[in-house]
Amino acid sequence: MILQNPCLTCGACCAHFRVSFYWGESDESETGTVPTDYTEDITPFYKCMKGTNQKPTRCIALQGQVGTQVTCSIYQLRSTTCREFGVHWHHSAMHITPEELDRCNQARSAWGLPALESQISRFPFQQPASHQHHRTLIYPHLVRKARRGGRKTGGFYSNNRGA
């Protein structure tokens, strides 16, 4: 039995963190994809998704209700910040890095949602043979590593709202 990707019922990261990225990723650049109408300037070199540089935070591209059912209206055009957020659903298995588990749980907590670890019995976490990468962990392994003190990094997802 294949169960649904938990990210599709969550969306907390899109309604908690500022999503910043290099301006060249916006479609005002020849090679960019993120719709400029969905962005705002942070500096001359960085933009963020509208709605993520303020409180309450909610990305303009987030559709649906956080914690119930959500989608991204520009999923195929999203920035590398969103593409590289270390949570991936592939071949019926969830792949997540320790750093991103911490961020995910921080956002879930802000929305009153249970930590992802508490959801383990709801999802079939398995590691496909094609995903044996050393930085990508499958959930049961991740829980053990995160409890040992997985590395935390800042990345472009941030709670900082100023210079």
N, C-alpha and C. Protein backbone atom coordinates (compact mmCIF):
# COMPACT_ATOMS: atom_id res chain seq x y z
N MET A 1 0.84 -1.17 0.00
CA MET A 1 0.00 0.00 0.00
C MET A 1 0.90 1.25 0.00
N ILE A 2 0.70 2.13 -0.96
CA ILE A 2 1.45 3.36 -1.04
C ILE A 2 0.63 4.47 -0.40
N LEU A 3 1.20 5.14 0.56
CA LEU A 3 0.52 6.24 1.23
C LEU A 3 1.02 7.56 0.68
N GLN A 4 0.30 8.62 0.97
CA GLN A 4 0.59 9.94 0.43
C GLN A 4 1.83 10.57 1.04
N ASN A 5 2.54 11.30 0.23
CA ASN A 5 3.69 12.09 0.65
C ASN A 5 3.23 13.04 1.77
N PRO A 6 3.85 13.00 2.95
CA PRO A 6 3.40 13.86 4.05
C PRO A 6 3.53 15.35 3.74
N CYS A 7 4.38 15.73 2.81
CA CYS A 7 4.52 17.14 2.45
C CYS A 7 3.24 17.70 1.83
N LEU A 8 2.46 16.83 1.19
CA LEU A 8 1.22 17.28 0.54
C LEU A 8 0.09 17.52 1.53
N THR A 9 0.29 17.12 2.78
CA THR A 9 -0.69 17.43 3.81
C THR A 9 -0.11 18.42 4.82
N CYS A 10 1.07 18.92 4.59
CA CYS A 10 1.72 19.79 5.56
C CYS A 10 1.80 21.22 5.05
N GLY A 11 2.85 21.57 4.30
CA GLY A 11 3.03 22.93 3.79
C GLY A 11 3.58 23.90 4.81
N ALA A 12 3.93 23.43 6.00
CA ALA A 12 4.40 24.33 7.06
C ALA A 12 5.67 25.07 6.67
N CYS A 13 6.56 24.45 5.94
CA CYS A 13 7.80 25.13 5.55
C CYS A 13 7.50 26.34 4.66
N CYS A 14 6.49 26.24 3.82
CA CYS A 14 6.12 27.34 2.92
C CYS A 14 5.37 28.45 3.65
N ALA A 15 4.95 28.18 4.87
CA ALA A 15 4.22 29.16 5.65
C ALA A 15 4.96 29.50 6.94
N HIS A 16 6.28 29.26 6.93
CA HIS A 16 7.07 29.57 8.12
C HIS A 16 8.41 30.25 7.79
N PHE A 17 9.07 29.81 6.73
CA PHE A 17 10.41 30.30 6.40
C PHE A 17 10.39 31.33 5.27
N ARG A 18 11.36 32.24 5.29
CA ARG A 18 11.57 33.11 4.14
C ARG A 18 12.29 32.29 3.09
N VAL A 19 11.84 32.35 1.86
CA VAL A 19 12.42 31.60 0.76
C VAL A 19 13.20 32.58 -0.12
N SER A 20 14.51 32.64 0.10
CA SER A 20 15.39 33.57 -0.62
C SER A 20 16.18 32.83 -1.69
N PHE A 21 16.51 33.53 -2.76
CA PHE A 21 17.29 32.92 -3.84
C PHE A 21 17.92 34.02 -4.69
N TYR A 22 18.90 33.64 -5.49
CA TYR A 22 19.62 34.56 -6.37
C TYR A 22 18.65 35.10 -7.43
N TRP A 23 18.73 36.39 -7.71
CA TRP A 23 17.78 37.04 -8.62
C TRP A 23 17.74 36.38 -9.99
N GLY A 24 18.85 35.79 -10.43
CA GLY A 24 18.91 35.16 -11.74
C GLY A 24 18.00 33.96 -11.90
N GLU A 25 17.41 33.48 -10.80
CA GLU A 25 16.45 32.39 -10.90
C GLU A 25 15.05 32.87 -11.27
N SER A 26 14.84 34.18 -11.22
CA SER A 26 13.52 34.70 -11.61
C SER A 26 13.45 34.77 -13.13
N ASP A 27 12.25 34.76 -13.66
CA ASP A 27 12.11 34.73 -15.12
C ASP A 27 12.47 36.07 -15.79
N GLU A 28 12.85 37.08 -14.99
CA GLU A 28 13.38 38.30 -15.61
C GLU A 28 14.78 38.05 -16.18
N SER A 29 15.42 36.98 -15.73
CA SER A 29 16.70 36.55 -16.27
C SER A 29 16.40 35.60 -17.44
N GLU A 30 17.28 35.56 -18.39
CA GLU A 30 17.09 34.71 -19.56
C GLU A 30 16.97 33.23 -19.21
N THR A 31 17.67 32.80 -18.16
CA THR A 31 17.65 31.38 -17.79
C THR A 31 16.81 31.08 -16.56
N GLY A 32 16.17 32.10 -15.98
CA GLY A 32 15.39 31.90 -14.77
C GLY A 32 14.00 31.33 -15.03
N THR A 33 13.39 30.79 -13.99
CA THR A 33 12.07 30.18 -14.13
C THR A 33 11.02 30.73 -13.16
N VAL A 34 11.43 31.22 -12.00
CA VAL A 34 10.47 31.67 -10.99
C VAL A 34 9.76 32.92 -11.50
N PRO A 35 8.43 32.92 -11.57
CA PRO A 35 7.70 34.08 -12.06
C PRO A 35 8.00 35.33 -11.23
N THR A 36 8.46 36.39 -11.88
CA THR A 36 8.83 37.63 -11.20
C THR A 36 7.67 38.19 -10.40
N ASP A 37 6.45 38.01 -10.88
CA ASP A 37 5.27 38.50 -10.16
C ASP A 37 5.12 37.84 -8.79
N TYR A 38 5.78 36.71 -8.57
CA TYR A 38 5.69 35.98 -7.31
C TYR A 38 6.84 36.34 -6.37
N THR A 39 7.71 37.26 -6.77
CA THR A 39 8.90 37.57 -5.98
C THR A 39 8.94 39.02 -5.53
N GLU A 40 9.81 39.28 -4.55
CA GLU A 40 10.12 40.65 -4.16
C GLU A 40 11.61 40.74 -3.91
N ASP A 41 12.17 41.94 -4.06
CA ASP A 41 13.60 42.14 -3.88
C ASP A 41 13.95 42.19 -2.40
N ILE A 42 15.08 41.56 -2.05
CA ILE A 42 15.64 41.66 -0.71
C ILE A 42 16.87 42.58 -0.78
N THR A 43 17.74 42.28 -1.75
CA THR A 43 18.92 43.09 -2.04
C THR A 43 19.00 43.18 -3.56
N PRO A 44 19.98 43.91 -4.10
CA PRO A 44 20.11 43.92 -5.56
C PRO A 44 20.39 42.54 -6.16
N PHE A 45 20.86 41.60 -5.33
CA PHE A 45 21.23 40.28 -5.84
C PHE A 45 20.31 39.15 -5.40
N TYR A 46 19.48 39.40 -4.41
CA TYR A 46 18.61 38.34 -3.88
C TYR A 46 17.16 38.76 -3.89
N LYS A 47 16.32 37.77 -4.15
CA LYS A 47 14.87 37.93 -4.12
C LYS A 47 14.33 36.91 -3.13
N CYS A 48 13.06 37.07 -2.80
CA CYS A 48 12.38 36.05 -2.02
C CYS A 48 10.97 35.92 -2.57
N MET A 49 10.33 34.83 -2.22
CA MET A 49 8.95 34.63 -2.64
C MET A 49 8.08 35.61 -1.86
N LYS A 50 7.15 36.24 -2.55
CA LYS A 50 6.22 37.16 -1.89
C LYS A 50 5.49 36.39 -0.78
N GLY A 51 5.32 37.09 0.32
CA GLY A 51 4.63 36.50 1.46
C GLY A 51 5.55 35.82 2.45
N THR A 52 6.82 35.60 2.07
CA THR A 52 7.73 34.91 2.99
C THR A 52 8.67 35.86 3.72
N ASN A 53 8.59 37.15 3.43
CA ASN A 53 9.47 38.12 4.08
C ASN A 53 8.67 38.97 5.08
N GLN A 54 7.64 38.37 5.66
CA GLN A 54 6.76 39.10 6.57
C GLN A 54 6.15 38.12 7.56
N LYS A 55 5.53 38.65 8.58
CA LYS A 55 4.77 37.84 9.53
C LYS A 55 3.32 38.28 9.43
N PRO A 56 2.33 37.44 9.36
CA PRO A 56 2.50 36.00 9.23
C PRO A 56 3.07 35.64 7.86
N THR A 57 3.82 34.57 7.84
CA THR A 57 4.51 34.11 6.64
C THR A 57 3.65 33.12 5.88
N ARG A 58 3.57 33.32 4.56
CA ARG A 58 2.90 32.35 3.69
C ARG A 58 3.33 32.64 2.26
N CYS A 59 3.97 31.68 1.63
CA CYS A 59 4.42 31.84 0.24
C CYS A 59 3.22 32.05 -0.67
N ILE A 60 3.36 32.98 -1.59
CA ILE A 60 2.29 33.30 -2.54
C ILE A 60 1.91 32.08 -3.40
N ALA A 61 2.85 31.17 -3.60
CA ALA A 61 2.59 30.00 -4.45
C ALA A 61 1.92 28.85 -3.70
N LEU A 62 1.84 28.94 -2.37
CA LEU A 62 1.23 27.88 -1.58
C LEU A 62 -0.29 27.93 -1.71
N GLN A 63 -0.86 26.81 -2.11
CA GLN A 63 -2.31 26.70 -2.23
C GLN A 63 -2.80 25.63 -1.27
N GLY A 64 -3.95 25.87 -0.67
CA GLY A 64 -4.53 24.90 0.24
C GLY A 64 -4.39 25.34 1.68
N GLN A 65 -4.70 24.41 2.58
CA GLN A 65 -4.68 24.69 4.01
C GLN A 65 -3.53 23.94 4.65
N VAL A 66 -2.64 24.67 5.34
CA VAL A 66 -1.50 24.07 6.01
C VAL A 66 -1.99 23.02 7.00
N GLY A 67 -1.37 21.84 6.95
CA GLY A 67 -1.72 20.75 7.85
C GLY A 67 -2.85 19.87 7.34
N THR A 68 -3.48 20.25 6.24
CA THR A 68 -4.59 19.48 5.69
C THR A 68 -4.28 18.98 4.29
N GLN A 69 -4.17 19.91 3.34
CA GLN A 69 -3.83 19.56 1.96
C GLN A 69 -3.27 20.80 1.29
N VAL A 70 -2.09 20.67 0.68
CA VAL A 70 -1.43 21.81 0.04
C VAL A 70 -0.78 21.39 -1.27
N THR A 71 -0.58 22.38 -2.12
CA THR A 71 0.18 22.22 -3.35
C THR A 71 0.92 23.52 -3.61
N CYS A 72 1.88 23.46 -4.53
CA CYS A 72 2.62 24.64 -4.97
C CYS A 72 2.15 24.99 -6.38
N SER A 73 1.67 26.22 -6.54
CA SER A 73 1.13 26.61 -7.85
C SER A 73 2.20 26.77 -8.91
N ILE A 74 3.47 26.85 -8.51
CA ILE A 74 4.57 26.99 -9.48
C ILE A 74 5.59 25.87 -9.29
N TYR A 75 5.16 24.71 -8.88
CA TYR A 75 6.05 23.61 -8.52
C TYR A 75 7.15 23.38 -9.57
N GLN A 76 6.82 23.32 -10.83
CA GLN A 76 7.81 23.06 -11.88
C GLN A 76 8.74 24.26 -12.11
N LEU A 77 8.35 25.43 -11.63
CA LEU A 77 9.13 26.66 -11.83
C LEU A 77 9.80 27.14 -10.55
N ARG A 78 9.70 26.39 -9.47
CA ARG A 78 10.18 26.84 -8.16
C ARG A 78 11.69 27.06 -8.15
N SER A 79 12.14 27.81 -7.16
CA SER A 79 13.56 28.15 -7.04
C SER A 79 14.38 26.96 -6.54
N THR A 80 15.70 27.08 -6.63
CA THR A 80 16.57 26.02 -6.12
C THR A 80 16.44 25.89 -4.61
N THR A 81 16.10 26.96 -3.92
CA THR A 81 15.90 26.88 -2.47
C THR A 81 14.83 25.85 -2.15
N CYS A 82 13.75 25.88 -2.88
CA CYS A 82 12.67 24.90 -2.68
C CYS A 82 13.08 23.53 -3.22
N ARG A 83 13.71 23.51 -4.38
CA ARG A 83 14.11 22.23 -4.98
C ARG A 83 15.11 21.49 -4.10
N GLU A 84 15.96 22.22 -3.41
CA GLU A 84 17.03 21.60 -2.61
C GLU A 84 16.69 21.45 -1.14
N PHE A 85 15.48 21.81 -0.73
CA PHE A 85 15.07 21.59 0.66
C PHE A 85 15.09 20.09 0.87
N GLY A 86 15.94 19.55 1.68
CA GLY A 86 16.27 18.13 1.75
C GLY A 86 15.19 17.12 2.00
N VAL A 87 13.94 17.39 1.65
CA VAL A 87 12.87 16.41 1.80
C VAL A 87 12.43 16.00 0.40
N HIS A 88 12.54 14.71 0.10
CA HIS A 88 12.18 14.23 -1.22
C HIS A 88 11.35 12.95 -1.09
N TRP A 89 10.36 12.83 -1.91
CA TRP A 89 9.51 11.65 -1.97
C TRP A 89 9.81 10.97 -3.29
N HIS A 90 10.35 9.77 -3.23
CA HIS A 90 10.77 9.09 -4.46
C HIS A 90 10.54 7.59 -4.30
N HIS A 91 9.89 6.98 -5.27
CA HIS A 91 9.62 5.54 -5.25
C HIS A 91 8.97 5.11 -3.93
N SER A 92 7.95 5.83 -3.52
CA SER A 92 7.17 5.50 -2.32
C SER A 92 7.99 5.57 -1.03
N ALA A 93 9.07 6.30 -1.04
CA ALA A 93 9.90 6.43 0.16
C ALA A 93 10.26 7.89 0.37
N MET A 94 10.32 8.28 1.62
CA MET A 94 10.69 9.64 1.96
C MET A 94 12.18 9.69 2.25
N HIS A 95 12.85 10.63 1.62
CA HIS A 95 14.27 10.85 1.82
C HIS A 95 14.41 12.23 2.47
N ILE A 96 15.17 12.32 3.55
CA ILE A 96 15.31 13.59 4.25
C ILE A 96 16.67 13.65 4.94
N THR A 97 17.31 14.80 4.90
CA THR A 97 18.59 14.97 5.56
C THR A 97 18.35 15.38 7.02
N PRO A 98 19.31 15.15 7.89
CA PRO A 98 19.14 15.55 9.30
C PRO A 98 18.90 17.05 9.45
N GLU A 99 19.59 17.85 8.66
CA GLU A 99 19.41 19.30 8.74
C GLU A 99 17.98 19.69 8.41
N GLU A 100 17.46 19.08 7.37
CA GLU A 100 16.12 19.43 6.92
C GLU A 100 15.05 18.85 7.84
N LEU A 101 15.33 17.73 8.49
CA LEU A 101 14.38 17.21 9.48
C LEU A 101 14.21 18.24 10.60
N ASP A 102 15.31 18.82 11.04
CA ASP A 102 15.23 19.85 12.07
C ASP A 102 14.39 21.04 11.59
N ARG A 103 14.64 21.50 10.36
CA ARG A 103 13.88 22.63 9.82
C ARG A 103 12.41 22.27 9.63
N CYS A 104 12.18 21.09 9.12
CA CYS A 104 10.80 20.63 8.91
C CYS A 104 10.05 20.62 10.23
N ASN A 105 10.65 20.04 11.25
CA ASN A 105 9.99 19.96 12.55
C ASN A 105 9.82 21.33 13.20
N GLN A 106 10.74 22.25 12.95
CA GLN A 106 10.60 23.62 13.45
C GLN A 106 9.35 24.27 12.84
N ALA A 107 9.19 24.13 11.53
CA ALA A 107 8.02 24.70 10.86
C ALA A 107 6.73 24.01 11.30
N ARG A 108 6.77 22.69 11.41
CA ARG A 108 5.58 21.95 11.84
C ARG A 108 5.17 22.37 13.24
N SER A 109 6.13 22.55 14.12
CA SER A 109 5.85 22.98 15.49
C SER A 109 5.19 24.35 15.51
N ALA A 110 5.66 25.27 14.67
CA ALA A 110 5.10 26.62 14.61
C ALA A 110 3.63 26.59 14.20
N TRP A 111 3.25 25.57 13.46
CA TRP A 111 1.87 25.43 13.01
C TRP A 111 1.07 24.46 13.89
N GLY A 112 1.66 24.01 14.98
CA GLY A 112 0.96 23.10 15.89
C GLY A 112 0.83 21.69 15.36
N LEU A 113 1.68 21.33 14.39
CA LEU A 113 1.65 19.98 13.82
C LEU A 113 2.66 19.10 14.55
N PRO A 114 2.40 17.80 14.67
CA PRO A 114 3.34 16.92 15.36
C PRO A 114 4.64 16.79 14.58
N ALA A 115 5.72 16.52 15.30
CA ALA A 115 7.02 16.30 14.65
C ALA A 115 6.91 15.15 13.66
N LEU A 116 7.69 15.21 12.61
CA LEU A 116 7.62 14.19 11.57
C LEU A 116 7.95 12.81 12.12
N GLU A 117 8.82 12.72 13.12
CA GLU A 117 9.16 11.41 13.70
C GLU A 117 7.92 10.70 14.21
N SER A 118 6.95 11.44 14.74
CA SER A 118 5.75 10.82 15.29
C SER A 118 4.85 10.26 14.21
N GLN A 119 5.13 10.58 12.97
CA GLN A 119 4.30 10.11 11.86
C GLN A 119 4.86 8.84 11.23
N ILE A 120 5.94 8.28 11.75
CA ILE A 120 6.64 7.17 11.10
C ILE A 120 5.74 5.98 10.81
N SER A 121 4.82 5.66 11.67
CA SER A 121 3.98 4.48 11.44
C SER A 121 2.99 4.68 10.30
N ARG A 122 2.81 5.93 9.86
CA ARG A 122 1.84 6.21 8.80
C ARG A 122 2.41 6.03 7.40
N PHE A 123 3.74 5.98 7.25
CA PHE A 123 4.34 6.00 5.92
C PHE A 123 5.29 4.83 5.71
N PRO A 124 5.31 4.25 4.50
CA PRO A 124 6.21 3.14 4.20
C PRO A 124 7.59 3.65 3.80
N PHE A 125 8.49 3.81 4.77
CA PHE A 125 9.81 4.35 4.49
C PHE A 125 10.76 3.22 4.11
N GLN A 126 11.20 3.25 2.86
CA GLN A 126 12.12 2.25 2.34
C GLN A 126 13.16 2.96 1.49
N GLN A 127 14.34 2.38 1.38
CA GLN A 127 15.37 3.00 0.59
C GLN A 127 15.51 2.29 -0.75
N PRO A 128 15.13 2.98 -1.85
CA PRO A 128 15.32 2.39 -3.17
C PRO A 128 16.81 2.19 -3.45
N ALA A 129 17.15 1.12 -4.15
CA ALA A 129 18.55 0.83 -4.45
C ALA A 129 19.22 1.97 -5.21
N SER A 130 18.46 2.71 -5.99
CA SER A 130 19.04 3.80 -6.79
C SER A 130 19.34 5.04 -5.97
N HIS A 131 19.02 5.05 -4.68
CA HIS A 131 19.24 6.23 -3.85
C HIS A 131 20.11 5.91 -2.64
N GLN A 132 21.31 5.46 -2.89
CA GLN A 132 22.24 5.09 -1.83
C GLN A 132 23.23 6.22 -1.55
N HIS A 133 22.85 7.46 -1.83
CA HIS A 133 23.72 8.62 -1.66
C HIS A 133 24.01 8.84 -0.17
N HIS A 134 25.23 9.21 0.17
CA HIS A 134 25.63 9.35 1.57
C HIS A 134 24.93 10.48 2.30
N ARG A 135 24.47 11.54 1.62
CA ARG A 135 23.80 12.65 2.29
C ARG A 135 22.29 12.44 2.37
N THR A 136 21.75 11.56 1.57
CA THR A 136 20.31 11.34 1.58
C THR A 136 20.01 10.15 2.47
N LEU A 137 19.20 10.38 3.44
CA LEU A 137 18.88 9.34 4.39
C LEU A 137 17.41 8.98 4.28
N ILE A 138 17.11 7.74 4.55
CA ILE A 138 15.72 7.33 4.59
C ILE A 138 15.28 7.46 6.05
N TYR A 139 14.07 7.75 6.23
CA TYR A 139 13.56 8.17 7.52
C TYR A 139 14.00 7.36 8.74
N PRO A 140 13.85 6.03 8.81
CA PRO A 140 14.25 5.33 10.04
C PRO A 140 15.71 5.56 10.40
N HIS A 141 16.59 5.59 9.40
CA HIS A 141 17.99 5.85 9.66
C HIS A 141 18.18 7.29 10.13
N LEU A 142 17.41 8.19 9.58
CA LEU A 142 17.52 9.59 9.92
C LEU A 142 17.15 9.84 11.38
N VAL A 143 16.13 9.19 11.86
CA VAL A 143 15.71 9.41 13.24
C VAL A 143 16.86 9.09 14.18
N ARG A 144 17.53 7.96 13.94
CA ARG A 144 18.66 7.60 14.80
C ARG A 144 19.77 8.63 14.69
N LYS A 145 20.12 9.07 13.47
CA LYS A 145 21.19 10.04 13.29
C LYS A 145 20.82 11.39 13.88
N ALA A 146 19.59 11.82 13.69
CA ALA A 146 19.16 13.12 14.22
C ALA A 146 19.21 13.12 15.74
N ARG A 147 18.87 12.02 16.35
CA ARG A 147 18.92 11.93 17.82
C ARG A 147 20.34 11.97 18.33
N ARG A 148 21.31 11.58 17.48
CA ARG A 148 22.72 11.66 17.88
C ARG A 148 23.27 13.06 17.67
N GLY A 149 22.47 13.97 17.13
CA GLY A 149 22.92 15.35 16.95
C GLY A 149 23.32 15.66 15.53
N GLY A 150 22.41 15.47 14.59
CA GLY A 150 22.68 15.79 13.19
C GLY A 150 23.08 17.25 13.03
N ARG A 151 23.87 17.54 12.03
CA ARG A 151 24.39 18.88 11.77
C ARG A 151 23.25 19.82 11.40
N LYS A 152 23.30 21.04 11.92
CA LYS A 152 22.31 22.06 11.61
C LYS A 152 22.97 23.15 10.80
N THR A 153 22.31 23.60 9.75
CA THR A 153 22.84 24.68 8.93
C THR A 153 21.77 25.71 8.70
N GLY A 154 22.19 26.90 8.28
CA GLY A 154 21.25 27.99 8.06
C GLY A 154 20.57 27.95 6.71
N GLY A 155 21.31 27.70 5.65
CA GLY A 155 20.73 27.67 4.32
C GLY A 155 20.03 28.97 3.96
N PHE A 156 19.22 28.95 2.95
CA PHE A 156 18.48 30.13 2.54
C PHE A 156 17.12 30.19 3.20
N TYR A 157 16.68 29.08 3.82
CA TYR A 157 15.45 29.14 4.60
C TYR A 157 15.82 29.82 5.89
N SER A 158 15.11 30.82 6.26
CA SER A 158 15.52 31.62 7.40
C SER A 158 14.32 32.21 8.10
N ASN A 159 14.48 32.45 9.38
CA ASN A 159 13.47 33.19 10.13
C ASN A 159 13.87 34.65 10.25
N ASN A 160 15.02 35.01 9.74
CA ASN A 160 15.50 36.40 9.81
C ASN A 160 14.68 37.25 8.88
N ARG A 161 14.23 38.37 9.36
CA ARG A 161 13.40 39.26 8.56
C ARG A 161 14.05 40.63 8.41
N GLY A 162 15.31 40.71 8.33
CA GLY A 162 15.95 42.02 8.17
C GLY A 162 17.36 41.85 7.70
N ALA A 163 18.05 42.94 7.61
CA ALA A 163 19.42 42.89 7.12
C ALA A 163 20.36 42.37 8.16
